[in-house]
C-alpha atoms as a PDB file:
ATOM      1  CA  THR A   1     -13.078  45.073  -2.581  1.00  0.00           C
ATOM      2  CA  GLN A   2     -10.503  45.259   0.619  1.00  0.00           C
ATOM      3  CA  MET A   3     -12.648  44.208   3.310  1.00  0.00           C
ATOM      4  CA  ILE A   4     -13.483  41.261   1.345  1.00  0.00           C
ATOM      5  CA  GLY A   5      -9.902  40.555   0.504  1.00  0.00           C
ATOM      6  CA  GLY A   6      -8.793  41.237   4.101  1.00  0.00           C
ATOM      7  CA  MET A   7     -11.446  38.334   5.640  1.00  0.00           C
ATOM      8  CA  ALA A   8     -10.736  36.275   2.884  1.00  0.00           C
ATOM      9  CA  GLU A   9      -7.045  36.324   3.767  1.00  0.00           C
ATOM     10  CA  PHE A  10      -7.839  36.180   7.716  1.00  0.00           C
ATOM     11  CA  PHE A  11     -10.469  33.331   7.187  1.00  0.00           C
ATOM     12  CA  SER A  12      -7.213  31.453   5.100  1.00  0.00           C
ATOM     13  CA  GLU A  13      -4.376  32.254   8.021  1.00  0.00           C
ATOM     14  CA  MET A  14      -7.136  30.954  11.036  1.00  0.00           C
ATOM     15  CA  LEU A  15      -7.763  27.702   8.555  1.00  0.00           C
ATOM     16  CA  ALA A  16      -4.139  27.129   8.274  1.00  0.00           C
ATOM     17  CA  VAL A  17      -4.000  27.288  12.469  1.00  0.00           C
ATOM     18  CA  HIS A  18      -6.513  25.032  12.734  1.00  0.00           C
ATOM     19  CA  THR A  19      -5.311  22.525  10.364  1.00  0.00           C
ATOM     20  CA  LYS A  20      -2.165  22.049  11.899  1.00  0.00           C
ATOM     21  CA  LYS A  21      -4.036  21.740  15.729  1.00  0.00           C
ATOM     22  CA  GLY A  22      -5.856  19.272  14.470  1.00  0.00           C
ATOM     23  CA  ILE A  23      -3.214  17.261  12.678  1.00  0.00           C
ATOM     24  CA  GLU A  24      -0.911  17.581  15.968  1.00  0.00           C
ATOM     25  CA  GLU A  25      -3.808  16.524  18.240  1.00  0.00           C
ATOM     26  CA  ARG A  26      -4.421  13.593  15.558  1.00  0.00           C
ATOM     27  CA  ALA A  27      -0.364  12.735  15.791  1.00  0.00           C
ATOM     28  CA  ARG A  28      -0.898  12.782  19.770  1.00  0.00           C
ATOM     29  CA  LYS A  29      -3.928  10.675  19.682  1.00  0.00           C
ATOM     30  CA  GLY A  30      -1.450   7.783  17.736  1.00  0.00           C
ATOM     31  CA  LEU A  31      -3.043   7.883  14.794  1.00  0.00           C
ATOM     32  CA  HIS A  32      -1.467   7.787  11.007  1.00  0.00           C
ATOM     33  CA  LEU A  33      -0.931  10.952   9.493  1.00  0.00           C
ATOM     34  CA  GLY A  34      -1.623  11.142   5.493  1.00  0.00           C
ATOM     35  CA  ALA A  35      -1.414   8.191   3.383  1.00  0.00           C
ATOM     36  CA  ILE A  36      -1.441   4.556   4.902  1.00  0.00           C
ATOM     37  CA  PRO A  37       2.547   3.239   4.597  1.00  0.00           C
ATOM     38  CA  PHE A  38       3.232   0.443   2.616  1.00  0.00           C
ATOM     39  CA  GLY A  39       2.766  -2.534   4.709  1.00  0.00           C
ATOM     40  CA  TYR A  40      -0.427  -1.660   6.339  1.00  0.00           C
ATOM     41  CA  GLU A  41      -3.872  -1.211   5.406  1.00  0.00           C
ATOM     42  CA  SER A  42      -6.805   0.598   6.085  1.00  0.00           C
ATOM     43  CA  CYS A  43      -9.797  -1.089   8.332  1.00  0.00           C
ATOM     44  CA  TRP A  44     -12.094   0.606   6.020  1.00  0.00           C
ATOM     45  CA  LYS A  45     -12.981   0.797   2.208  1.00  0.00           C
ATOM     46  CA  SER A  46     -15.110   3.218  -0.022  1.00  0.00           C
ATOM     47  CA  GLU A  47     -18.291   1.887  -1.470  1.00  0.00           C
ATOM     48  CA  GLY A  48     -20.695   4.403  -3.255  1.00  0.00           C
ATOM     49  CA  GLY A  49     -19.047   7.542  -1.354  1.00  0.00           C
ATOM     50  CA  GLU A  50     -19.732   5.573   1.954  1.00  0.00           C
ATOM     51  CA  ARG A  51     -17.031   4.342   4.371  1.00  0.00           C
ATOM     52  CA  VAL A  52     -17.653   0.451   5.022  1.00  0.00           C
ATOM     53  CA  LEU A  53     -15.960  -1.534   7.563  1.00  0.00           C
ATOM     54  CA  ILE A  54     -14.139  -4.342   6.052  1.00  0.00           C
ATOM     55  CA  CYS A  55     -12.661  -6.134   9.301  1.00  0.00           C
ATOM     56  CA  ASP A  56     -14.678  -7.689  11.969  1.00  0.00           C
ATOM     57  CA  SER A  57     -14.296  -5.190  14.501  1.00  0.00           C
ATOM     58  CA  GLU A  58     -12.249  -1.951  13.841  1.00  0.00           C
ATOM     59  CA  HIS A  59      -8.043  -2.277  14.796  1.00  0.00           C
ATOM     60  CA  PRO A  60      -6.453   0.285  17.017  1.00  0.00           C
ATOM     61  CA  GLY A  61      -6.001   3.463  14.791  1.00  0.00           C
ATOM     62  CA  GLY A  62      -8.445   2.470  12.140  1.00  0.00           C
ATOM     63  CA  ILE A  63      -5.218   0.400  10.174  1.00  0.00           C
ATOM     64  CA  HIS A  64      -3.860  -2.847  10.273  1.00  0.00           C
ATOM     65  CA  ILE A  65      -1.111  -4.531   8.938  1.00  0.00           C
ATOM     66  CA  HIS A  66      -1.292  -6.171   5.455  1.00  0.00           C
ATOM     67  CA  GLU A  67      -0.564  -9.869   5.606  1.00  0.00           C
ATOM     68  CA  THR A  68       1.854  -9.980   2.208  1.00  0.00           C
ATOM     69  CA  GLU A  69       3.195  -6.695   2.485  1.00  0.00           C
ATOM     70  CA  GLY A  70       3.761  -6.802   6.304  1.00  0.00           C
ATOM     71  CA  GLN A  71       6.131  -9.249   5.858  1.00  0.00           C
ATOM     72  CA  ALA A  72       7.878  -8.102   3.160  1.00  0.00           C
ATOM     73  CA  VAL A  73       8.561  -4.893   5.310  1.00  0.00           C
ATOM     74  CA  ASN A  74       9.623  -7.432   8.313  1.00  0.00           C
ATOM     75  CA  GLU A  75      11.893  -9.143   5.535  1.00  0.00           C
ATOM     76  CA  LEU A  76      13.736  -5.455   4.508  1.00  0.00           C
ATOM     77  CA  PHE A  77      14.634  -4.733   7.904  1.00  0.00           C
ATOM     78  CA  GLN A  78      16.108  -8.153   8.653  1.00  0.00           C
ATOM     79  CA  ARG A  79      18.135  -8.472   5.597  1.00  0.00           C
ATOM     80  CA  TYR A  80      19.209  -5.217   6.138  1.00  0.00           C
ATOM     81  CA  SER A  81      20.220  -5.731   9.412  1.00  0.00           C
ATOM     82  CA  THR A  82      22.753  -8.827   8.897  1.00  0.00           C
ATOM     83  CA  GLY A  83      23.919  -6.840   6.194  1.00  0.00           C
ATOM     84  CA  THR A  84      22.774  -9.644   3.748  1.00  0.00           C
ATOM     85  CA  ALA A  85      21.656  -7.329   1.103  1.00  0.00           C
ATOM     86  CA  THR A  86      22.137  -3.235  -0.309  1.00  0.00           C
ATOM     87  CA  LEU A  87      19.170  -0.840  -0.886  1.00  0.00           C
ATOM     88  CA  SER A  88      19.220  -1.772  -4.632  1.00  0.00           C
ATOM     89  CA  GLN A  89      18.927  -5.742  -4.286  1.00  0.00           C
ATOM     90  CA  LEU A  90      16.023  -5.112  -1.806  1.00  0.00           C
ATOM     91  CA  ALA A  91      14.433  -2.520  -4.491  1.00  0.00           C
ATOM     92  CA  GLY A  92      15.131  -5.631  -6.873  1.00  0.00           C
ATOM     93  CA  TRP A  93      13.819  -7.877  -4.461  1.00  0.00           C
ATOM     94  CA  LEU A  94      10.896  -6.141  -3.935  1.00  0.00           C
ATOM     95  CA  ASN A  95       9.798  -5.607  -7.359  1.00  0.00           C
ATOM     96  CA  ASP A  96      10.755  -9.288  -8.439  1.00  0.00           C
ATOM     97  CA  GLN A  97       7.929 -10.613  -5.751  1.00  0.00           C
ATOM     98  CA  GLY A  98       5.296  -8.481  -7.556  1.00  0.00           C
ATOM     99  CA  PHE A  99       5.307  -5.602  -4.968  1.00  0.00           C
ATOM    100  CA  ARG A 100       4.695  -2.194  -5.764  1.00  0.00           C
ATOM    101  CA  THR A 101       4.721   1.316  -4.059  1.00  0.00           C
ATOM    102  CA  ARG A 102       1.577   3.253  -3.237  1.00  0.00           C
ATOM    103  CA  ASN A 103       2.753   6.629  -5.654  1.00  0.00           C
ATOM    104  CA  ARG A 104       0.930   5.941  -8.920  1.00  0.00           C
ATOM    105  CA  HIS A 105       1.973   7.654 -12.072  1.00  0.00           C
ATOM    106  CA  MET A 106       0.922   7.804 -15.912  1.00  0.00           C
ATOM    107  CA  LEU A 107       3.692   5.043 -17.692  1.00  0.00           C
ATOM    108  CA  GLN A 108       5.106   6.287 -20.919  1.00  0.00           C
ATOM    109  CA  GLY A 109       3.050   4.853 -24.152  1.00  0.00           C
ATOM    110  CA  GLY A 110       0.757   3.137 -21.773  1.00  0.00           C
ATOM    111  CA  ASP A 111      -2.927   2.913 -22.235  1.00  0.00           C
ATOM    112  CA  GLY A 112      -3.305   6.065 -20.485  1.00  0.00           C
ATOM    113  CA  LYS A 113      -4.100   4.911 -17.111  1.00  0.00           C
ATOM    114  CA  ALA A 114      -2.249   5.327 -13.839  1.00  0.00           C
ATOM    115  CA  SER A 115      -0.057   2.337 -12.785  1.00  0.00           C
ATOM    116  CA  PRO A 116       2.171   2.065  -9.246  1.00  0.00           C
ATOM    117  CA  ARG A 117       5.870   2.747  -8.942  1.00  0.00           C
ATOM    118  CA  LEU A 118       8.483   0.420  -8.948  1.00  0.00           C
ATOM    119  CA  PHE A 119      10.484   0.327  -5.718  1.00  0.00           C
ATOM    120  CA  THR A 120      13.986   2.180  -6.018  1.00  0.00           C
ATOM    121  CA  THR A 121      16.816   2.280  -3.849  1.00  0.00           C
ATOM    122  CA  ALA A 122      15.341   5.995  -2.334  1.00  0.00           C
ATOM    123  CA  SER A 123      11.935   4.352  -1.574  1.00  0.00           C
ATOM    124  CA  VAL A 124      13.671   1.396   0.193  1.00  0.00           C
ATOM    125  CA  ARG A 125      15.524   4.280   2.237  1.00  0.00           C
ATOM    126  CA  GLY A 126      12.070   5.684   2.869  1.00  0.00           C
ATOM    127  CA  ILE A 127      10.445   2.777   4.193  1.00  0.00           C
ATOM    128  CA  LEU A 128      13.602   1.567   6.480  1.00  0.00           C
ATOM    129  CA  HIS A 129      13.921   5.084   8.024  1.00  0.00           C
ATOM    130  CA  ASN A 130       9.930   5.241   8.812  1.00  0.00           C
ATOM    131  CA  SER A 131       9.703   4.902  12.755  1.00  0.00           C
ATOM    132  CA  PHE A 132       6.332   3.966  11.633  1.00  0.00           C
ATOM    133  CA  PHE A 133       6.823   0.260  11.544  1.00  0.00           C
ATOM    134  CA  THR A 134       7.795   0.381  15.005  1.00  0.00           C
ATOM    135  CA  GLY A 135       4.387   1.368  16.314  1.00  0.00           C
ATOM    136  CA  LYS A 136       5.187   5.312  16.600  1.00  0.00           C
ATOM    137  CA  VAL A 137       3.958   8.562  15.218  1.00  0.00           C
ATOM    138  CA  LYS A 138       6.115  11.084  13.943  1.00  0.00           C
ATOM    139  CA  HIS A 139       5.024  14.797  13.832  1.00  0.00           C
ATOM    140  CA  LYS A 140       7.582  17.172  12.736  1.00  0.00           C
ATOM    141  CA  LYS A 141      10.831  16.359  14.915  1.00  0.00           C
ATOM    142  CA  GLN A 142       8.952  14.546  17.761  1.00  0.00           C
ATOM    143  CA  GLU A 143       7.327  10.936  17.893  1.00  0.00           C
ATOM    144  CA  TYR A 144       4.345  10.111  19.871  1.00  0.00           C
ATOM    145  CA  PRO A 145       3.222   6.206  20.609  1.00  0.00           C
ATOM    146  CA  GLY A 146       0.839   5.020  17.691  1.00  0.00           C
ATOM    147  CA  LEU A 147      -2.233   2.750  18.087  1.00  0.00           C
ATOM    148  CA  HIS A 148      -1.342   0.827  14.918  1.00  0.00           C
ATOM    149  CA  GLU A 149       0.675  -2.493  15.493  1.00  0.00           C
ATOM    150  CA  PRO A 150       4.328  -2.336  14.840  1.00  0.00           C
ATOM    151  CA  ILE A 151       6.109  -4.648  12.429  1.00  0.00           C
ATOM    152  CA  VAL A 152       9.334  -4.245  13.727  1.00  0.00           C
ATOM    153  CA  THR A 153      11.187  -4.237  16.761  1.00  0.00           C
ATOM    154  CA  GLU A 154      12.848  -0.964  17.880  1.00  0.00           C
ATOM    155  CA  GLU A 155      16.105  -2.987  18.336  1.00  0.00           C
ATOM    156  CA  THR A 156      15.703  -4.081  14.883  1.00  0.00           C
ATOM    157  CA  PHE A 157      15.186  -0.881  13.455  1.00  0.00           C
ATOM    158  CA  ASP A 158      17.891   0.828  15.848  1.00  0.00           C
ATOM    159  CA  GLU A 159      20.286  -2.215  14.318  1.00  0.00           C
ATOM    160  CA  VAL A 160      19.156  -0.574  10.356  1.00  0.00           C
ATOM    161  CA  GLN A 161      19.555   2.774  11.628  1.00  0.00           C
ATOM    162  CA  SER A 162      23.428   2.121  12.493  1.00  0.00           C
ATOM    163  CA  ALA A 163      23.966   0.130   9.327  1.00  0.00           C
ATOM    164  CA  MET A 164      22.356   2.810   7.304  1.00  0.00           C
ATOM    165  CA  LYS A 165      24.660   5.861   8.598  1.00  0.00           C
ATOM    166  CA  LYS A 166      27.653   3.800   8.305  1.00  0.00           C
ATOM    167  CA  ASN A 167      27.005   2.609   4.704  1.00  0.00           C
ATOM    168  CA  SER A 168      26.032   6.218   3.497  1.00  0.00           C
ATOM    169  CA  GLY A 169      28.764   7.986   1.501  1.00  0.00           C
ATOM    170  CA  ARG A 170      30.108   4.577   0.064  1.00  0.00           C
ATOM    171  CA  SER A 171      29.560   6.056  -3.751  1.00  0.00           C
ATOM    172  CA  ALA A 172      31.596   9.159  -4.298  1.00  0.00           C
ATOM    173  CA  THR A 173      29.194   9.749  -6.986  1.00  0.00           C
ATOM    174  CA  MET A 174      26.371  10.568  -4.844  1.00  0.00           C
ATOM    175  CA  ASN A 175      28.162  13.580  -3.631  1.00  0.00           C
ATOM    176  CA  PRO A 176      26.513  16.757  -3.978  1.00  0.00           C
ATOM    177  CA  ARG A 177      30.305  17.853  -5.595  1.00  0.00           C
ATOM    178  CA  PRO A 178      31.829  14.767  -6.922  1.00  0.00           C
ATOM    179  CA  GLN A 179      35.336  14.881  -8.047  1.00  0.00           C
ATOM    180  CA  ARG A 180      33.566  12.715 -11.424  1.00  0.00           C
ATOM    181  CA  GLU A 181      30.855  14.886 -13.221  1.00  0.00           C
ATOM    182  CA  TYR A 182      28.701  12.813 -15.088  1.00  0.00           C
ATOM    183  CA  LEU A 183      27.061  14.603 -18.289  1.00  0.00           C
ATOM    184  CA  LEU A 184      23.548  13.165 -18.014  1.00  0.00           C
ATOM    185  CA  LYS A 185      23.352  12.618 -14.189  1.00  0.00           C
ATOM    186  CA  GLY A 186      20.137  14.092 -12.784  1.00  0.00           C
ATOM    187  CA  LEU A 187      18.504  13.938 -16.691  1.00  0.00           C
ATOM    188  CA  ILE A 188      18.212  10.688 -18.501  1.00  0.00           C
ATOM    189  CA  ARG A 189      15.575   8.541 -17.281  1.00  0.00           C
ATOM    190  CA  CYS A 190      14.351   5.082 -18.032  1.00  0.00           C
ATOM    191  CA  ALA A 191      12.227   4.736 -21.233  1.00  0.00           C
ATOM    192  CA  TRP A 192       9.541   2.586 -19.694  1.00  0.00           C
ATOM    193  CA  CYS A 193       9.139   3.844 -16.204  1.00  0.00           C
ATOM    194  CA  LEU A 194      10.483   7.210 -16.138  1.00  0.00           C
ATOM    195  CA  MET A 195      12.213   6.739 -12.990  1.00  0.00           C
ATOM    196  CA  PRO A 196      15.542   8.700 -12.831  1.00  0.00           C
ATOM    197  CA  MET A 197      18.821   6.547 -13.604  1.00  0.00           C
ATOM    198  CA  TRP A 198      21.710   6.839 -11.824  1.00  0.00           C
ATOM    199  CA  ALA A 199      25.870   7.064 -12.913  1.00  0.00           C
ATOM    200  CA  GLN A 200      27.654   4.988 -10.324  1.00  0.00           C
ATOM    201  CA  THR A 201      31.949   3.848 -10.224  1.00  0.00           C
END
């Protein structure tokens, strides 16, 4: 029993090592890691358990810019870089346009089917912080040139990062140790979408 347990532990450790190597090698080649971000879509789809190419020819990296989502992502960066919209306003704009995140969850009182999540300030912030949209692939703290087509320029991306750094900390209620305490902060959620509600002065 001890030998079997030792072999199982050794196999698990070696599998983890090879998996990490594979992920790093994939990043070095410029291939996306994990789920495809909002704004892009795969050149392949699954039919009957088999991968089927849906593009005339596979794009570099196996993904390409989604026509409407890509335009929306570019609009997010442009609006925020010029200071004409806040994260909350951008999230509301995306939702009003009918866009939804790639994350899916069960809605309370629904039909039991998983539905895409609405955009929030956090999800919009995640998009604006993601250098993937400039044509790069990030692994840990290292960035590599990606094979995919960029949606925004590095200049626009840098402008957004500067603007977000300036705007961070505007609300004292977002501080881990705020001067004012809200009794239900972090506890109450929207009864329809189950997303956390925020208190702000």
